[in-house]
Amino acid sequence: MEKILEGKTTETRNLKSMNLDSMSIKEVLMLINDEDKKVPESIQEVIPEIEKAVQLIIEAFNNGGRLIYMGAGTSGRLGVLDAVECPPTFGVDKTKVMGLIAGGEKAFVEAQEGAEDSKELAIEELNGIELKSNDIVCGIAASGRTPYAIGGIEYAKKLGCKTIAIACNKRSKIGEVADVAIEVEVGPEVLTGSTRMKAGTAQKLILNMISTASMTGIGKVYENLMVDLKITNIKLQERAKNNVMQITGCSYEVAQETLEKANNQVKVAIIMVLLKCGKEEALERLNESKGFIRDAVK
């Protein structure tokens, strides 16, 4: 039988934590903190691959495609987490970025360990969302050998989709089948094999980079502000007003009034104030600039 975890750094014992069970609480916490510090440095080494992935995602978005994250366990949950944050943060439809987790929605709150071993399940779920060739699939697997994530990438490629792999081992199986392989080695976990720790942190940071850079690349950000956020609660309502005020220099009252006229579309309100124009002209300029405020107000 194949030793599927043999030689993987995510399964190697960390020599610094061999006496974890006899350390003081403070020693345990200091050790975990020291190990966590290594994660950003490891990610810096794979920024060229992350850049390639973002370029593919922006191209897919511009062609009407979607970004689909796929993973099992912690990896799957992180993909779902990043996906569900995109609509409120960037104002995109909930289908623009989707997270599929082995075992379905119930796996988000309750482990469904056996589901990760099924490539067929991945194919079934991709068919369930009607995967198209202009979509892009990102498989996430700390070990780099999760059949569910690999099966998703293999099937997506057959349909003509571009694919990305995020793994925490070099020369991973998932990296071999993807168009872009982001393989970041963060070293052995403090608790051996518990990839919810450094590996999970690395995946979360990479997903933050991917979604933020990709959305910025399609005009969802102006300066460093969320200008396409959905106003769904009081906090976001105030944030929208503050964004309009900070960009245009207008008063709170003008920001509030203009947002109302713009049907709570932050970008439109900003253009209306900057150009002293009506909603229709602002919308027209925004469409002509493909959603980029800088180009719309030239």
C-alpha atoms as a PDB file:
ATOM      1  CA  MET A   1       0.000   0.000   0.000  1.00  0.00           C
ATOM      2  CA  GLU A   2       1.272   3.464  -0.893  1.00  0.00           C
ATOM      3  CA  LYS A   3       2.529   5.507   2.042  1.00  0.00           C
ATOM      4  CA  ILE A   4       0.656   8.636   1.029  1.00  0.00           C
ATOM      5  CA  LEU A   5       2.025  10.925   3.749  1.00  0.00           C
ATOM      6  CA  GLU A   6       5.617   9.754   3.693  1.00  0.00           C
ATOM      7  CA  GLY A   7       8.194  12.505   3.123  1.00  0.00           C
ATOM      8  CA  LYS A   8       5.732  15.380   3.446  1.00  0.00           C
ATOM      9  CA  THR A   9       6.895  18.277   5.602  1.00  0.00           C
ATOM     10  CA  THR A  10       3.332  18.779   6.842  1.00  0.00           C
ATOM     11  CA  GLU A  11       3.648  15.374   8.547  1.00  0.00           C
ATOM     12  CA  THR A  12       7.213  15.717   9.848  1.00  0.00           C
ATOM     13  CA  ARG A  13       7.798  16.056  13.590  1.00  0.00           C
ATOM     14  CA  ASN A  14       8.975  19.473  14.778  1.00  0.00           C
ATOM     15  CA  LEU A  15      12.127  19.009  16.843  1.00  0.00           C
ATOM     16  CA  LYS A  16      11.383  22.141  18.860  1.00  0.00           C
ATOM     17  CA  SER A  17       8.105  20.714  20.150  1.00  0.00           C
ATOM     18  CA  MET A  18       9.182  17.166  21.031  1.00  0.00           C
ATOM     19  CA  ASN A  19       8.466  17.923  24.700  1.00  0.00           C
ATOM     20  CA  LEU A  20       5.250  19.847  24.054  1.00  0.00           C
ATOM     21  CA  ASP A  21       3.343  17.914  26.698  1.00  0.00           C
ATOM     22  CA  SER A  22       5.821  18.851  29.443  1.00  0.00           C
ATOM     23  CA  MET A  23       6.187  22.545  28.579  1.00  0.00           C
ATOM     24  CA  SER A  24       4.620  25.325  30.580  1.00  0.00           C
ATOM     25  CA  ILE A  25       1.632  27.135  29.074  1.00  0.00           C
ATOM     26  CA  LYS A  26       3.815  30.149  28.322  1.00  0.00           C
ATOM     27  CA  GLU A  27       6.453  27.990  26.646  1.00  0.00           C
ATOM     28  CA  VAL A  28       3.807  26.389  24.431  1.00  0.00           C
ATOM     29  CA  LEU A  29       2.407  29.776  23.446  1.00  0.00           C
ATOM     30  CA  MET A  30       5.855  31.249  22.757  1.00  0.00           C
ATOM     31  CA  LEU A  31       6.775  28.263  20.602  1.00  0.00           C
ATOM     32  CA  ILE A  32       3.580  28.469  18.553  1.00  0.00           C
ATOM     33  CA  ASN A  33       4.109  32.205  18.097  1.00  0.00           C
ATOM     34  CA  ASP A  34       7.727  31.715  17.008  1.00  0.00           C
ATOM     35  CA  GLU A  35       6.689  29.092  14.458  1.00  0.00           C
ATOM     36  CA  ASP A  36       3.858  31.269  13.133  1.00  0.00           C
ATOM     37  CA  LYS A  37       6.360  34.032  12.364  1.00  0.00           C
ATOM     38  CA  LYS A  38       7.881  31.808   9.673  1.00  0.00           C
ATOM     39  CA  VAL A  39       4.677  31.712   7.617  1.00  0.00           C
ATOM     40  CA  PRO A  40       4.828  35.155   5.912  1.00  0.00           C
ATOM     41  CA  GLU A  41       8.495  34.620   5.018  1.00  0.00           C
ATOM     42  CA  SER A  42       7.630  31.318   3.349  1.00  0.00           C
ATOM     43  CA  ILE A  43       4.811  32.956   1.399  1.00  0.00           C
ATOM     44  CA  GLN A  44       7.151  35.660   0.107  1.00  0.00           C
ATOM     45  CA  GLU A  45       9.040  32.968  -1.816  1.00  0.00           C
ATOM     46  CA  VAL A  46       5.939  32.028  -3.829  1.00  0.00           C
ATOM     47  CA  ILE A  47       4.667  35.523  -4.674  1.00  0.00           C
ATOM     48  CA  PRO A  48       5.583  35.012  -8.377  1.00  0.00           C
ATOM     49  CA  GLU A  49       3.212  32.028  -8.482  1.00  0.00           C
ATOM     50  CA  ILE A  50       0.507  33.944  -6.619  1.00  0.00           C
ATOM     51  CA  GLU A  51       0.890  36.743  -9.175  1.00  0.00           C
ATOM     52  CA  LYS A  52       0.343  34.279 -12.037  1.00  0.00           C
ATOM     53  CA  ALA A  53      -2.764  32.964 -10.297  1.00  0.00           C
ATOM     54  CA  VAL A  54      -4.200  36.462  -9.850  1.00  0.00           C
ATOM     55  CA  GLN A  55      -3.585  37.268 -13.509  1.00  0.00           C
ATOM     56  CA  LEU A  56      -5.551  34.158 -14.519  1.00  0.00           C
ATOM     57  CA  ILE A  57      -8.398  35.036 -12.150  1.00  0.00           C
ATOM     58  CA  ILE A  58      -8.671  38.609 -13.440  1.00  0.00           C
ATOM     59  CA  GLU A  59      -8.774  37.256 -16.993  1.00  0.00           C
ATOM     60  CA  ALA A  60     -11.511  34.805 -16.006  1.00  0.00           C
ATOM     61  CA  PHE A  61     -13.551  37.537 -14.294  1.00  0.00           C
ATOM     62  CA  ASN A  62     -13.252  39.796 -17.333  1.00  0.00           C
ATOM     63  CA  ASN A  63     -14.539  36.941 -19.491  1.00  0.00           C
ATOM     64  CA  GLY A  64     -17.589  36.426 -17.292  1.00  0.00           C
ATOM     65  CA  GLY A  65     -16.109  33.499 -15.399  1.00  0.00           C
ATOM     66  CA  ARG A  66     -16.188  32.524 -11.744  1.00  0.00           C
ATOM     67  CA  LEU A  67     -13.539  31.581  -9.189  1.00  0.00           C
ATOM     68  CA  ILE A  68     -14.255  28.221  -7.558  1.00  0.00           C
ATOM     69  CA  TYR A  69     -12.328  27.135  -4.458  1.00  0.00           C
ATOM     70  CA  MET A  70     -12.270  23.411  -3.662  1.00  0.00           C
ATOM     71  CA  GLY A  71     -10.868  21.663  -0.625  1.00  0.00           C
ATOM     72  CA  ALA A  72     -11.483  19.318   2.278  1.00  0.00           C
ATOM     73  CA  GLY A  73     -11.342  19.917   6.020  1.00  0.00           C
ATOM     74  CA  THR A  74      -9.509  23.071   7.056  1.00  0.00           C
ATOM     75  CA  SER A  75      -8.525  23.808   3.456  1.00  0.00           C
ATOM     76  CA  GLY A  76     -12.130  23.614   2.299  1.00  0.00           C
ATOM     77  CA  ARG A  77     -13.370  25.766   5.171  1.00  0.00           C
ATOM     78  CA  LEU A  78     -10.821  28.460   4.382  1.00  0.00           C
ATOM     79  CA  GLY A  79     -11.938  28.486   0.755  1.00  0.00           C
ATOM     80  CA  VAL A  80     -15.580  28.847   1.788  1.00  0.00           C
ATOM     81  CA  LEU A  81     -14.655  31.595   4.250  1.00  0.00           C
ATOM     82  CA  ASP A  82     -12.860  33.628   1.598  1.00  0.00           C
ATOM     83  CA  ALA A  83     -15.675  33.117  -0.889  1.00  0.00           C
ATOM     84  CA  VAL A  84     -18.489  34.241   1.420  1.00  0.00           C
ATOM     85  CA  GLU A  85     -16.613  37.427   2.324  1.00  0.00           C
ATOM     86  CA  CYS A  86     -16.407  38.586  -1.294  1.00  0.00           C
ATOM     87  CA  PRO A  87     -20.035  39.732  -1.804  1.00  0.00           C
ATOM     88  CA  PRO A  88     -20.173  42.106   1.205  1.00  0.00           C
ATOM     89  CA  THR A  89     -16.610  43.336   0.694  1.00  0.00           C
ATOM     90  CA  PHE A  90     -16.568  43.779  -3.062  1.00  0.00           C
ATOM     91  CA  GLY A  91     -20.237  43.877  -4.040  1.00  0.00           C
ATOM     92  CA  VAL A  92     -20.043  40.851  -6.323  1.00  0.00           C
ATOM     93  CA  ASP A  93     -22.774  38.273  -6.776  1.00  0.00           C
ATOM     94  CA  LYS A  94     -22.481  35.306  -4.404  1.00  0.00           C
ATOM     95  CA  THR A  95     -21.762  33.040  -7.385  1.00  0.00           C
ATOM     96  CA  LYS A  96     -18.740  35.081  -8.543  1.00  0.00           C
ATOM     97  CA  VAL A  97     -16.500  33.428  -5.960  1.00  0.00           C
ATOM     98  CA  MET A  98     -17.674  30.073  -4.620  1.00  0.00           C
ATOM     99  CA  GLY A  99     -16.264  27.668  -2.073  1.00  0.00           C
ATOM    100  CA  LEU A 100     -16.894  23.934  -2.378  1.00  0.00           C
ATOM    101  CA  ILE A 101     -15.980  21.730   0.580  1.00  0.00           C
ATOM    102  CA  ALA A 102     -15.834  17.935   0.541  1.00  0.00           C
ATOM    103  CA  GLY A 103     -18.916  16.678   2.338  1.00  0.00           C
ATOM    104  CA  GLY A 104     -21.042  19.737   1.559  1.00  0.00           C
ATOM    105  CA  GLU A 105     -22.188  22.560   3.816  1.00  0.00           C
ATOM    106  CA  LYS A 106     -22.447  20.344   6.910  1.00  0.00           C
ATOM    107  CA  ALA A 107     -18.689  19.711   6.629  1.00  0.00           C
ATOM    108  CA  PHE A 108     -18.069  23.349   7.507  1.00  0.00           C
ATOM    109  CA  VAL A 109     -19.150  22.810  11.117  1.00  0.00           C
ATOM    110  CA  GLU A 110     -18.673  19.061  11.457  1.00  0.00           C
ATOM    111  CA  ALA A 111     -15.749  17.018  10.135  1.00  0.00           C
ATOM    112  CA  GLN A 112     -16.598  14.739   7.195  1.00  0.00           C
ATOM    113  CA  GLU A 113     -13.193  13.138   6.866  1.00  0.00           C
ATOM    114  CA  GLY A 114     -14.059  10.384   4.392  1.00  0.00           C
ATOM    115  CA  ALA A 115     -15.413  12.821   1.812  1.00  0.00           C
ATOM    116  CA  GLU A 116     -11.940  14.070   0.905  1.00  0.00           C
ATOM    117  CA  ASP A 117     -11.035  10.724  -0.690  1.00  0.00           C
ATOM    118  CA  SER A 118     -13.609  10.985  -3.482  1.00  0.00           C
ATOM    119  CA  LYS A 119     -12.711  12.458  -6.873  1.00  0.00           C
ATOM    120  CA  GLU A 120     -16.201  11.534  -8.056  1.00  0.00           C
ATOM    121  CA  LEU A 121     -17.733  13.785  -5.394  1.00  0.00           C
ATOM    122  CA  ALA A 122     -15.715  16.714  -6.721  1.00  0.00           C
ATOM    123  CA  ILE A 123     -16.961  16.096 -10.259  1.00  0.00           C
ATOM    124  CA  GLU A 124     -20.543  15.792  -9.022  1.00  0.00           C
ATOM    125  CA  GLU A 125     -20.342  19.116  -7.177  1.00  0.00           C
ATOM    126  CA  LEU A 126     -18.764  20.933 -10.128  1.00  0.00           C
ATOM    127  CA  ASN A 127     -21.535  19.645 -12.349  1.00  0.00           C
ATOM    128  CA  GLY A 128     -23.992  20.845  -9.715  1.00  0.00           C
ATOM    129  CA  ILE A 129     -22.825  24.441 -10.181  1.00  0.00           C
ATOM    130  CA  GLU A 130     -22.659  24.011 -13.966  1.00  0.00           C
ATOM    131  CA  LEU A 131     -18.923  24.604 -14.337  1.00  0.00           C
ATOM    132  CA  LYS A 132     -18.036  26.378 -17.597  1.00  0.00           C
ATOM    133  CA  SER A 133     -14.778  26.686 -19.504  1.00  0.00           C
ATOM    134  CA  ASN A 134     -14.426  30.373 -18.608  1.00  0.00           C
ATOM    135  CA  ASP A 135     -14.444  29.554 -14.874  1.00  0.00           C
ATOM    136  CA  ILE A 136     -11.260  29.019 -12.884  1.00  0.00           C
ATOM    137  CA  VAL A 137     -10.870  26.301 -10.247  1.00  0.00           C
ATOM    138  CA  CYS A 138      -8.500  26.604  -7.289  1.00  0.00           C
ATOM    139  CA  GLY A 139      -7.800  23.387  -5.399  1.00  0.00           C
ATOM    140  CA  ILE A 140      -6.591  23.827  -1.816  1.00  0.00           C
ATOM    141  CA  ALA A 141      -4.831  20.949  -0.046  1.00  0.00           C
ATOM    142  CA  ALA A 142      -2.236  21.302   2.697  1.00  0.00           C
ATOM    143  CA  SER A 143      -0.798  17.854   1.990  1.00  0.00           C
ATOM    144  CA  GLY A 144      -1.080  18.387  -1.750  1.00  0.00           C
ATOM    145  CA  ARG A 145      -2.554  14.922  -2.281  1.00  0.00           C
ATOM    146  CA  THR A 146      -6.254  15.282  -1.389  1.00  0.00           C
ATOM    147  CA  PRO A 147      -8.217  13.310  -4.039  1.00  0.00           C
ATOM    148  CA  TYR A 148     -11.264  15.609  -3.812  1.00  0.00           C
ATOM    149  CA  ALA A 149      -9.233  18.712  -4.699  1.00  0.00           C
ATOM    150  CA  ILE A 150      -7.146  16.920  -7.321  1.00  0.00           C
ATOM    151  CA  GLY A 151     -10.250  15.417  -8.915  1.00  0.00           C
ATOM    152  CA  GLY A 152     -11.801  18.859  -9.143  1.00  0.00           C
ATOM    153  CA  ILE A 153      -8.784  20.282 -10.943  1.00  0.00           C
ATOM    154  CA  GLU A 154      -8.504  17.321 -13.316  1.00  0.00           C
ATOM    155  CA  TYR A 155     -12.158  17.583 -14.290  1.00  0.00           C
ATOM    156  CA  ALA A 156     -11.998  21.358 -14.665  1.00  0.00           C
ATOM    157  CA  LYS A 157      -9.068  21.031 -17.063  1.00  0.00           C
ATOM    158  CA  LYS A 158     -11.034  18.600 -19.201  1.00  0.00           C
ATOM    159  CA  LEU A 159     -13.679  21.311 -19.606  1.00  0.00           C
ATOM    160  CA  GLY A 160     -11.046  23.858 -20.609  1.00  0.00           C
ATOM    161  CA  CYS A 161     -10.857  25.759 -17.316  1.00  0.00           C
ATOM    162  CA  LYS A 162      -7.652  27.294 -16.005  1.00  0.00           C
ATOM    163  CA  THR A 163      -6.632  25.821 -12.653  1.00  0.00           C
ATOM    164  CA  ILE A 164      -4.655  26.794  -9.555  1.00  0.00           C
ATOM    165  CA  ALA A 165      -3.308  24.633  -6.740  1.00  0.00           C
ATOM    166  CA  ILE A 166      -2.446  25.772  -3.216  1.00  0.00           C
ATOM    167  CA  ALA A 167      -0.405  23.232  -1.241  1.00  0.00           C
ATOM    168  CA  CYS A 168       2.002  23.244   1.680  1.00  0.00           C
ATOM    169  CA  ASN A 169       4.420  20.673   0.263  1.00  0.00           C
ATOM    170  CA  LYS A 170       6.754  21.052  -2.693  1.00  0.00           C
ATOM    171  CA  ARG A 171       6.362  18.779  -5.724  1.00  0.00           C
ATOM    172  CA  SER A 172       2.783  18.040  -4.688  1.00  0.00           C
ATOM    173  CA  LYS A 173       0.404  15.864  -6.679  1.00  0.00           C
ATOM    174  CA  ILE A 174      -2.120  18.673  -6.906  1.00  0.00           C
ATOM    175  CA  GLY A 175       0.612  21.025  -8.111  1.00  0.00           C
ATOM    176  CA  GLU A 176       1.507  18.624 -10.893  1.00  0.00           C
ATOM    177  CA  VAL A 177      -1.977  18.768 -12.421  1.00  0.00           C
ATOM    178  CA  ALA A 178      -2.686  22.512 -12.040  1.00  0.00           C
ATOM    179  CA  ASP A 179      -1.767  25.315 -14.442  1.00  0.00           C
ATOM    180  CA  VAL A 180      -0.311  27.333 -11.550  1.00  0.00           C
ATOM    181  CA  ALA A 181       1.089  25.628  -8.445  1.00  0.00           C
ATOM    182  CA  ILE A 182       1.430  27.727  -5.291  1.00  0.00           C
ATOM    183  CA  GLU A 183       3.467  25.439  -3.037  1.00  0.00           C
ATOM    184  CA  VAL A 184       4.487  27.078   0.219  1.00  0.00           C
ATOM    185  CA  GLU A 185       6.436  25.026   2.754  1.00  0.00           C
ATOM    186  CA  VAL A 186       5.991  26.342   6.275  1.00  0.00           C
ATOM    187  CA  GLY A 187       7.794  23.456   7.967  1.00  0.00           C
ATOM    188  CA  PRO A 188       6.598  20.897  10.520  1.00  0.00           C
ATOM    189  CA  GLU A 189       3.670  21.859  12.728  1.00  0.00           C
ATOM    190  CA  VAL A 190       4.107  22.328  16.475  1.00  0.00           C
ATOM    191  CA  LEU A 191       1.460  19.614  16.828  1.00  0.00           C
ATOM    192  CA  THR A 192       2.529  17.040  14.256  1.00  0.00           C
ATOM    193  CA  GLY A 193       0.207  16.836  11.267  1.00  0.00           C
ATOM    194  CA  SER A 194      -2.210  19.476  12.563  1.00  0.00           C
ATOM    195  CA  THR A 195      -2.331  21.474   9.350  1.00  0.00           C
ATOM    196  CA  ARG A 196      -5.019  23.794  10.748  1.00  0.00           C
ATOM    197  CA  MET A 197      -2.011  25.596  12.289  1.00  0.00           C
ATOM    198  CA  LYS A 198       0.867  26.974  10.154  1.00  0.00           C
ATOM    199  CA  ALA A 199      -0.384  25.389   6.938  1.00  0.00           C
ATOM    200  CA  GLY A 200      -3.870  26.768   7.536  1.00  0.00           C
ATOM    201  CA  THR A 201      -2.453  30.197   8.326  1.00  0.00           C
ATOM    202  CA  ALA A 202      -0.448  30.139   5.092  1.00  0.00           C
ATOM    203  CA  GLN A 203      -3.500  29.161   3.078  1.00  0.00           C
ATOM    204  CA  LYS A 204      -5.591  31.895   4.680  1.00  0.00           C
ATOM    205  CA  LEU A 205      -2.958  34.544   3.923  1.00  0.00           C
ATOM    206  CA  ILE A 206      -2.632  33.382   0.324  1.00  0.00           C
ATOM    207  CA  LEU A 207      -6.399  33.413  -0.170  1.00  0.00           C
ATOM    208  CA  ASN A 208      -6.518  36.952   1.255  1.00  0.00           C
ATOM    209  CA  MET A 209      -3.903  37.966  -1.306  1.00  0.00           C
ATOM    210  CA  ILE A 210      -5.629  36.222  -4.205  1.00  0.00           C
ATOM    211  CA  SER A 211      -9.133  37.595  -3.660  1.00  0.00           C
ATOM    212  CA  THR A 212      -8.055  41.125  -2.708  1.00  0.00           C
ATOM    213  CA  ALA A 213      -5.612  41.506  -5.603  1.00  0.00           C
ATOM    214  CA  SER A 214      -8.061  39.986  -8.086  1.00  0.00           C
ATOM    215  CA  MET A 215     -10.925  42.238  -7.024  1.00  0.00           C
ATOM    216  CA  THR A 216      -8.628  45.257  -7.121  1.00  0.00           C
ATOM    217  CA  GLY A 217      -7.714  44.203 -10.650  1.00  0.00           C
ATOM    218  CA  ILE A 218     -11.315  44.458 -11.827  1.00  0.00           C
ATOM    219  CA  GLY A 219     -12.020  47.862 -10.289  1.00  0.00           C
ATOM    220  CA  LYS A 220     -13.577  46.907  -6.967  1.00  0.00           C
ATOM    221  CA  VAL A 221     -11.123  49.096  -5.025  1.00  0.00           C
ATOM    222  CA  TYR A 222     -10.301  52.807  -5.257  1.00  0.00           C
ATOM    223  CA  GLU A 223      -7.167  53.986  -3.471  1.00  0.00           C
ATOM    224  CA  ASN A 224      -7.340  51.529  -0.553  1.00  0.00           C
ATOM    225  CA  LEU A 225     -11.087  51.748   0.024  1.00  0.00           C
ATOM    226  CA  MET A 226     -13.920  49.254  -0.543  1.00  0.00           C
ATOM    227  CA  VAL A 227     -15.977  51.191  -3.052  1.00  0.00           C
ATOM    228  CA  ASP A 228     -18.257  48.358  -4.150  1.00  0.00           C
ATOM    229  CA  LEU A 229     -19.289  47.139  -0.727  1.00  0.00           C
ATOM    230  CA  LYS A 230     -22.895  46.116  -0.187  1.00  0.00           C
ATOM    231  CA  ILE A 231     -24.709  48.234   2.390  1.00  0.00           C
ATOM    232  CA  THR A 232     -26.457  45.536   4.394  1.00  0.00           C
ATOM    233  CA  ASN A 233     -26.216  46.902   7.935  1.00  0.00           C
ATOM    234  CA  ILE A 234     -25.643  50.115   9.891  1.00  0.00           C
ATOM    235  CA  LYS A 235     -21.878  49.630  10.104  1.00  0.00           C
ATOM    236  CA  LEU A 236     -21.524  49.232   6.346  1.00  0.00           C
ATOM    237  CA  GLN A 237     -23.857  52.172   5.802  1.00  0.00           C
ATOM    238  CA  GLU A 238     -21.526  54.374   7.809  1.00  0.00           C
ATOM    239  CA  ARG A 239     -18.453  52.924   6.100  1.00  0.00           C
ATOM    240  CA  ALA A 240     -19.964  53.764   2.716  1.00  0.00           C
ATOM    241  CA  LYS A 241     -20.574  57.368   3.776  1.00  0.00           C
ATOM    242  CA  ASN A 242     -17.042  57.627   5.142  1.00  0.00           C
ATOM    243  CA  ASN A 243     -15.644  56.309   1.861  1.00  0.00           C
ATOM    244  CA  VAL A 244     -17.523  58.953  -0.118  1.00  0.00           C
ATOM    245  CA  MET A 245     -16.372  61.658   2.303  1.00  0.00           C
ATOM    246  CA  GLN A 246     -12.717  60.588   2.310  1.00  0.00           C
ATOM    247  CA  ILE A 247     -12.472  60.387  -1.472  1.00  0.00           C
ATOM    248  CA  THR A 248     -14.420  63.523  -2.358  1.00  0.00           C
ATOM    249  CA  GLY A 249     -13.939  65.731   0.699  1.00  0.00           C
ATOM    250  CA  CYS A 250     -17.688  66.300   0.943  1.00  0.00           C
ATOM    251  CA  SER A 251     -19.693  66.617   4.151  1.00  0.00           C
ATOM    252  CA  TYR A 252     -21.481  63.787   5.932  1.00  0.00           C
ATOM    253  CA  GLU A 253     -24.823  65.189   4.830  1.00  0.00           C
ATOM    254  CA  VAL A 254     -23.799  65.376   1.164  1.00  0.00           C
ATOM    255  CA  ALA A 255     -22.452  61.822   1.298  1.00  0.00           C
ATOM    256  CA  GLN A 256     -25.694  60.542   2.780  1.00  0.00           C
ATOM    257  CA  GLU A 257     -27.873  62.435   0.319  1.00  0.00           C
ATOM    258  CA  THR A 258     -25.820  61.386  -2.705  1.00  0.00           C
ATOM    259  CA  LEU A 259     -25.781  57.731  -1.675  1.00  0.00           C
ATOM    260  CA  GLU A 260     -29.564  57.821  -1.486  1.00  0.00           C
ATOM    261  CA  LYS A 261     -29.746  59.291  -4.998  1.00  0.00           C
ATOM    262  CA  ALA A 262     -27.263  56.656  -6.190  1.00  0.00           C
ATOM    263  CA  ASN A 263     -29.352  53.812  -4.755  1.00  0.00           C
ATOM    264  CA  ASN A 264     -26.545  53.083  -2.279  1.00  0.00           C
ATOM    265  CA  GLN A 265     -24.015  52.424  -5.051  1.00  0.00           C
ATOM    266  CA  VAL A 266     -20.832  53.814  -3.531  1.00  0.00           C
ATOM    267  CA  LYS A 267     -18.926  54.147  -6.808  1.00  0.00           C
ATOM    268  CA  VAL A 268     -21.764  56.011  -8.433  1.00  0.00           C
ATOM    269  CA  ALA A 269     -22.076  58.384  -5.478  1.00  0.00           C
ATOM    270  CA  ILE A 270     -18.347  59.133  -5.566  1.00  0.00           C
ATOM    271  CA  ILE A 271     -18.432  60.002  -9.268  1.00  0.00           C
ATOM    272  CA  MET A 272     -21.562  62.124  -8.795  1.00  0.00           C
ATOM    273  CA  VAL A 273     -19.833  64.229  -6.147  1.00  0.00           C
ATOM    274  CA  LEU A 274     -16.458  64.477  -7.916  1.00  0.00           C
ATOM    275  CA  LEU A 275     -17.935  65.430 -11.286  1.00  0.00           C
ATOM    276  CA  LYS A 276     -20.995  67.246  -9.940  1.00  0.00           C
ATOM    277  CA  CYS A 277     -23.170  65.145 -12.221  1.00  0.00           C
ATOM    278  CA  GLY A 278     -26.341  63.099 -11.994  1.00  0.00           C
ATOM    279  CA  LYS A 279     -26.745  59.398 -11.446  1.00  0.00           C
ATOM    280  CA  GLU A 280     -27.209  58.509 -15.129  1.00  0.00           C
ATOM    281  CA  GLU A 281     -24.025  60.250 -16.244  1.00  0.00           C
ATOM    282  CA  ALA A 282     -22.106  58.671 -13.375  1.00  0.00           C
ATOM    283  CA  LEU A 283     -23.345  55.222 -14.384  1.00  0.00           C
ATOM    284  CA  GLU A 284     -22.453  55.851 -18.011  1.00  0.00           C
ATOM    285  CA  ARG A 285     -18.930  56.938 -17.124  1.00  0.00           C
ATOM    286  CA  LEU A 286     -18.529  53.938 -14.815  1.00  0.00           C
ATOM    287  CA  ASN A 287     -19.610  51.546 -17.548  1.00  0.00           C
ATOM    288  CA  GLU A 288     -17.265  53.132 -20.065  1.00  0.00           C
ATOM    289  CA  SER A 289     -14.376  52.792 -17.632  1.00  0.00           C
ATOM    290  CA  LYS A 290     -15.243  49.139 -16.929  1.00  0.00           C
ATOM    291  CA  GLY A 291     -15.801  49.896 -13.276  1.00  0.00           C
ATOM    292  CA  PHE A 292     -12.585  51.805 -12.544  1.00  0.00           C
ATOM    293  CA  ILE A 293     -13.262  55.099 -10.766  1.00  0.00           C
ATOM    294  CA  ARG A 294      -9.889  56.608 -11.731  1.00  0.00           C
ATOM    295  CA  ASP A 295     -10.713  56.267 -15.400  1.00  0.00           C
ATOM    296  CA  ALA A 296     -14.313  57.382 -14.933  1.00  0.00           C
ATOM    297  CA  VAL A 297     -13.360  60.760 -13.425  1.00  0.00           C
ATOM    298  CA  LYS A 298     -10.582  61.666 -15.871  1.00  0.00           C
END
